N, C-alpha and C. Protein backbone atom coordinates (compact mmCIF):
# COMPACT_ATOMS: atom_id res chain seq x y z
N MET A 1 0.70 -1.17 -0.30
CA MET A 1 0.25 -0.03 -0.20
C MET A 1 1.03 1.37 -0.31
N ILE A 2 0.36 1.82 -0.74
CA ILE A 2 1.74 3.83 -1.09
C ILE A 2 0.76 4.48 -0.31
N THR A 3 1.23 4.93 0.54
CA THR A 3 0.37 6.00 1.61
C THR A 3 1.52 7.47 1.19
N LYS A 4 0.89 8.99 1.35
CA LYS A 4 1.36 9.52 0.87
C LYS A 4 1.45 10.13 2.20
N LYS A 5 2.16 11.05 2.73
CA LYS A 5 2.08 11.70 4.14
C LYS A 5 2.62 12.95 3.40
N SER A 6 1.63 14.47 4.63
CA SER A 6 1.34 15.95 4.20
C SER A 6 2.46 16.01 4.97
N TYR A 7 3.78 17.18 4.95
CA TYR A 7 3.88 17.76 5.84
C TYR A 7 3.97 19.21 5.93
N TYR A 8 4.10 19.81 4.87
CA TYR A 8 3.68 21.62 4.86
C TYR A 8 4.98 22.05 5.75
N LYS A 9 6.05 21.80 5.64
CA LYS A 9 6.36 22.96 6.81
C LYS A 9 8.11 23.15 5.50
N LEU A 10 9.17 23.94 6.27
CA LEU A 10 9.97 24.26 5.83
C LEU A 10 10.75 23.20 5.38
N VAL A 11 11.81 22.52 4.79
CA VAL A 11 12.65 21.62 4.89
C VAL A 11 14.14 23.10 3.92
N ARG A 12 15.44 21.57 4.15
CA ARG A 12 16.52 22.20 3.53
C ARG A 12 16.23 22.20 2.37
N ASP A 13 17.48 23.17 2.00
CA ASP A 13 17.49 23.42 0.35
C ASP A 13 17.92 21.73 -0.40
N ARG A 14 18.57 20.96 0.07
CA ARG A 14 19.26 19.78 -0.70
C ARG A 14 18.08 18.56 -0.27
N ILE A 15 16.79 19.02 0.05
CA ILE A 15 15.94 17.66 0.39
C ILE A 15 15.41 17.19 -0.80
N PRO A 16 14.89 18.47 -1.52
CA PRO A 16 14.05 17.69 -3.18
C PRO A 16 16.03 16.83 -3.52
N GLU A 17 16.80 17.22 -3.73
CA GLU A 17 17.99 16.43 -4.41
C GLU A 17 17.73 15.40 -3.85
N VAL A 18 17.87 15.64 -2.16
CA VAL A 18 17.78 13.92 -1.96
C VAL A 18 16.51 12.72 -1.92
N LEU A 19 15.55 13.57 -2.40
CA LEU A 19 14.03 12.87 -2.91
C LEU A 19 14.05 12.32 -3.62
N ASP A 20 14.94 12.41 -5.09
CA ASP A 20 15.06 12.24 -6.16
C ASP A 20 15.99 11.17 -6.04
N ASN A 21 17.19 11.48 -4.88
CA ASN A 21 18.15 10.57 -5.35
C ASN A 21 17.83 9.08 -4.70
N ALA A 22 16.31 9.28 -4.04
CA ALA A 22 15.69 8.08 -3.36
C ALA A 22 14.59 7.69 -4.02
N GLU A 23 14.43 8.35 -5.11
CA GLU A 23 13.31 7.12 -6.34
C GLU A 23 12.11 8.43 -5.78
N LYS A 24 11.68 9.22 -4.80
CA LYS A 24 10.43 9.57 -4.60
C LYS A 24 9.64 10.12 -4.57
N GLU A 25 8.54 10.29 -4.99
CA GLU A 25 7.44 11.21 -5.60
C GLU A 25 7.56 11.99 -4.00
N TYR A 26 6.99 13.47 -5.11
CA TYR A 26 7.14 14.45 -4.05
C TYR A 26 6.94 15.94 -4.79
N GLN A 27 6.13 16.93 -3.53
CA GLN A 27 6.26 18.18 -4.22
C GLN A 27 6.32 19.24 -3.24
N VAL A 28 7.27 20.26 -3.83
CA VAL A 28 7.48 21.65 -3.04
C VAL A 28 6.93 22.82 -3.39
N SER A 29 7.39 23.97 -3.43
CA SER A 29 6.90 24.96 -3.37
C SER A 29 7.63 25.72 -2.80
N GLN A 30 7.53 27.05 -3.56
CA GLN A 30 8.62 27.66 -2.19
C GLN A 30 7.82 29.18 -1.56
N VAL A 31 8.28 29.54 -1.10
CA VAL A 31 8.15 30.76 -0.19
C VAL A 31 9.02 31.65 -0.42
N ARG A 32 8.44 33.00 -0.37
CA ARG A 32 9.40 34.12 -0.41
C ARG A 32 9.21 34.97 0.79
N GLY A 33 9.60 36.15 1.32
CA GLY A 33 9.03 37.32 2.74
C GLY A 33 8.87 36.79 3.69
N ALA A 34 7.92 37.45 3.89
CA ALA A 34 7.00 37.30 5.20
C ALA A 34 7.29 35.98 5.73
N GLU A 35 6.19 35.18 4.01
CA GLU A 35 5.63 33.98 4.50
C GLU A 35 6.78 32.61 5.05
N LEU A 36 7.86 33.30 4.57
CA LEU A 36 9.30 32.55 4.27
C LEU A 36 10.24 33.08 6.35
N THR A 37 10.23 33.94 6.38
CA THR A 37 10.05 34.13 7.68
C THR A 37 9.28 32.93 8.97
N SER A 38 7.86 33.36 8.74
CA SER A 38 6.94 32.99 9.52
C SER A 38 7.21 31.35 9.28
N PHE A 39 7.70 30.57 8.67
CA PHE A 39 7.82 29.58 8.16
C PHE A 39 9.45 28.91 9.30
N ALA A 40 10.54 30.03 8.62
CA ALA A 40 11.50 29.83 9.51
C ALA A 40 11.13 29.19 11.24
N LEU A 41 10.30 29.81 11.15
CA LEU A 41 9.72 30.84 13.10
C LEU A 41 9.49 29.39 13.61
N LYS A 42 8.55 28.74 12.31
CA LYS A 42 7.24 27.17 13.09
C LYS A 42 8.66 25.98 12.89
N LYS A 43 9.95 26.18 11.95
CA LYS A 43 11.09 25.27 12.11
C LYS A 43 11.33 25.43 13.12
N LEU A 44 11.85 26.65 14.20
CA LEU A 44 12.71 26.88 14.80
C LEU A 44 11.92 26.01 16.35
N ARG A 45 10.78 26.41 15.84
CA ARG A 45 9.60 25.58 17.41
C ARG A 45 10.17 24.11 16.72
N GLU A 46 9.83 23.95 16.15
CA GLU A 46 10.36 22.12 15.88
C GLU A 46 11.41 21.54 16.56
N GLU A 47 12.82 22.66 15.57
CA GLU A 47 13.83 21.87 16.23
C GLU A 47 14.09 21.80 17.89
N VAL A 48 13.28 23.26 18.07
CA VAL A 48 13.37 23.39 19.69
C VAL A 48 12.95 22.06 20.16
N GLU A 49 11.89 21.71 19.90
CA GLU A 49 11.05 20.74 20.60
C GLU A 49 11.76 19.56 20.64
N GLU A 50 12.03 19.04 19.50
CA GLU A 50 13.18 17.94 18.60
C GLU A 50 14.57 17.65 20.10
N PHE A 51 14.96 19.03 20.44
CA PHE A 51 16.23 18.96 21.01
C PHE A 51 15.91 18.54 22.24
N VAL A 52 14.74 19.34 23.00
CA VAL A 52 13.91 18.79 24.10
C VAL A 52 13.27 17.48 24.36
N GLU A 53 13.36 17.12 23.45
CA GLU A 53 12.98 15.42 23.61
C GLU A 53 14.67 14.66 23.43
N GLU A 54 14.93 14.56 22.73
CA GLU A 54 16.05 14.03 22.91
C GLU A 54 17.43 15.07 22.19
N PRO A 55 17.86 15.59 23.21
CA PRO A 55 19.50 16.67 23.31
C PRO A 55 20.21 15.60 22.70
N SER A 56 20.60 16.48 21.87
CA SER A 56 22.11 16.25 20.98
C SER A 56 22.32 16.96 20.11
N ALA A 57 23.99 16.65 19.83
CA ALA A 57 24.74 17.49 19.03
C ALA A 57 24.14 18.16 17.74
N GLU A 58 23.03 17.01 17.34
CA GLU A 58 22.50 17.08 15.58
C GLU A 58 21.29 18.09 15.40
N GLU A 59 20.49 17.67 17.52
CA GLU A 59 19.40 18.58 17.17
C GLU A 59 19.67 20.08 17.49
N ALA A 60 21.44 20.59 17.86
CA ALA A 60 21.57 21.53 18.68
C ALA A 60 21.71 22.11 17.30
N GLY A 61 22.25 21.47 16.78
CA GLY A 61 23.03 22.33 15.23
C GLY A 61 21.36 22.43 14.36
N ASP A 62 21.29 21.98 14.31
CA ASP A 62 19.52 22.68 13.30
C ASP A 62 19.14 23.67 14.08
N ILE A 63 19.06 23.60 15.16
CA ILE A 63 18.74 24.81 15.61
C ILE A 63 19.18 26.33 15.85
N LEU A 64 20.79 25.93 15.56
CA LEU A 64 21.08 27.41 15.21
C LEU A 64 22.00 27.32 13.69
N GLU A 65 21.86 26.35 12.74
CA GLU A 65 21.09 26.69 11.63
C GLU A 65 20.12 27.51 11.05
N VAL A 66 18.89 27.07 11.60
CA VAL A 66 17.55 27.29 11.89
C VAL A 66 17.64 29.33 11.93
N LEU A 67 18.11 28.94 13.56
CA LEU A 67 18.37 30.73 14.30
C LEU A 67 19.54 30.96 13.45
N GLY A 68 20.03 31.03 12.89
CA GLY A 68 20.69 31.39 12.28
C GLY A 68 20.19 31.99 10.85
N PHE A 69 19.39 31.37 10.07
CA PHE A 69 19.01 31.86 9.06
C PHE A 69 18.34 33.50 9.26
N ILE A 70 17.42 33.22 10.51
CA ILE A 70 16.12 33.40 10.73
C ILE A 70 16.62 35.28 11.20
N CYS A 71 17.63 35.40 11.82
CA CYS A 71 18.18 36.28 12.38
C CYS A 71 19.18 37.26 10.99
N GLU A 72 19.82 36.53 10.11
CA GLU A 72 20.16 37.08 8.84
C GLU A 72 19.19 37.62 7.87
N ARG A 73 17.92 37.08 8.07
CA ARG A 73 16.62 37.88 7.86
C ARG A 73 16.32 38.70 8.07
N LEU A 74 16.50 39.18 9.49
CA LEU A 74 15.92 40.02 10.08
C LEU A 74 16.83 40.91 10.50
N ALA A 75 17.80 40.44 10.02
CA ALA A 75 19.35 41.65 9.76
C ALA A 75 19.86 41.54 11.55
N ILE A 76 19.25 41.00 11.88
CA ILE A 76 20.20 40.89 13.68
C ILE A 76 21.62 40.17 13.29
N GLY A 77 22.45 40.87 14.16
CA GLY A 77 23.89 40.16 13.36
C GLY A 77 24.65 39.52 14.41
N GLU A 78 25.71 38.39 14.03
CA GLU A 78 26.12 37.93 15.45
C GLU A 78 26.75 38.79 16.08
N GLY A 79 27.54 39.95 16.14
CA GLY A 79 28.24 41.36 16.80
C GLY A 79 26.98 41.27 18.02
N GLU A 80 25.84 41.63 17.36
CA GLU A 80 24.75 42.22 18.16
C GLU A 80 24.37 40.89 19.45
N ILE A 81 24.01 39.45 18.69
CA ILE A 81 23.35 38.76 19.75
C ILE A 81 24.56 38.80 20.53
N LYS A 82 25.78 39.38 20.26
CA LYS A 82 26.87 38.83 21.26
C LYS A 82 27.07 39.28 22.76
N ALA A 83 26.72 40.86 21.85
CA ALA A 83 26.66 41.62 23.11
C ALA A 83 25.41 41.69 24.30
N ALA A 84 24.29 41.11 23.28
CA ALA A 84 23.15 41.07 24.56
C ALA A 84 23.02 39.90 25.01
N ARG A 85 23.43 38.89 24.43
CA ARG A 85 23.63 38.12 25.28
C ARG A 85 24.90 38.46 26.32
N LEU A 86 25.81 39.21 26.82
CA LEU A 86 27.02 39.28 27.37
C LEU A 86 26.38 40.23 28.21
N SER A 87 25.01 41.09 27.59
CA SER A 87 24.73 42.07 28.62
C SER A 87 23.89 42.00 30.02
N LYS A 88 23.23 40.50 28.97
CA LYS A 88 21.96 39.97 30.52
C LYS A 88 22.68 39.71 30.92
N ARG A 89 24.05 38.57 31.02
CA ARG A 89 24.60 37.75 31.80
C ARG A 89 25.42 38.63 32.88
N VAL A 90 25.23 40.14 32.45
CA VAL A 90 25.93 40.99 33.31
C VAL A 90 25.88 41.42 34.32
N THR A 91 23.95 41.45 33.28
CA THR A 91 22.61 42.64 34.74
C THR A 91 22.27 41.85 35.51
N LYS A 92 21.90 40.19 35.05
CA LYS A 92 20.94 39.34 35.11
C LYS A 92 21.67 38.29 35.62
N GLY A 93 22.86 37.84 34.80
CA GLY A 93 23.50 36.82 35.30
C GLY A 93 23.20 35.66 34.42
N GLY A 94 24.00 34.49 34.12
CA GLY A 94 23.70 32.97 33.23
C GLY A 94 22.58 32.41 34.27
N PHE A 95 22.94 30.64 34.48
CA PHE A 95 21.86 30.17 34.57
C PHE A 95 22.70 29.08 34.98
N ASP A 96 23.70 29.80 35.81
CA ASP A 96 24.99 28.15 36.72
C ASP A 96 24.41 27.57 37.93
N MET A 97 23.75 29.01 38.40
CA MET A 97 22.94 28.17 39.73
C MET A 97 22.18 27.76 40.15
N GLY A 98 21.30 27.36 38.81
CA GLY A 98 20.00 26.63 39.16
C GLY A 98 19.05 27.34 39.74
N PHE A 99 18.99 28.49 39.96
CA PHE A 99 17.81 28.77 40.62
C PHE A 99 17.01 28.49 40.25
N LEU A 100 15.64 28.21 40.73
CA LEU A 100 13.82 28.15 40.41
C LEU A 100 13.05 29.26 41.25
N LEU A 101 12.23 30.48 40.73
CA LEU A 101 12.07 31.46 41.14
C LEU A 101 10.10 30.30 41.29
N GLU A 102 9.90 30.30 42.34
CA GLU A 102 9.13 30.20 43.08
C GLU A 102 7.30 30.64 43.20
N TRP A 103 8.04 31.93 43.73
CA TRP A 103 6.95 32.77 43.65
C TRP A 103 7.65 34.15 44.30
N VAL A 104 7.46 35.69 43.63
CA VAL A 104 6.63 36.24 44.46
C VAL A 104 6.03 37.52 45.01
N LYS A 105 6.53 38.01 46.60
CA LYS A 105 4.42 39.17 46.31
C LYS A 105 5.66 40.20 46.28
N ASP A 106 4.42 40.73 45.48
CA ASP A 106 4.10 42.39 45.05
C ASP A 106 3.70 42.84 46.38
N ARG A 107 4.49 44.41 46.57
CA ARG A 107 3.89 44.95 47.83
C ARG A 107 2.83 46.40 47.51
């Protein structure tokens, strides 16, 4: 029995080539502009969920690839990211202490 599985998600650029080499039937379309950014953000969420389920270097690499693509599209530079990260580390710290905020009482 032949089954057709629907995906409708952003995939890496060489996936059509991989599918051709596997002699699979498939259909792709291209998105641009804001729609591409929207699909990339969904892809980032997917990759983060996969990493949470099974942390690995491969999943971390997928996250960095998609995040880098999104940042490039949004003109967020690597230097800007590093500066923001350092600034937050200086003002609010990292996560090394393992603090879990349980509650805060407002006055």
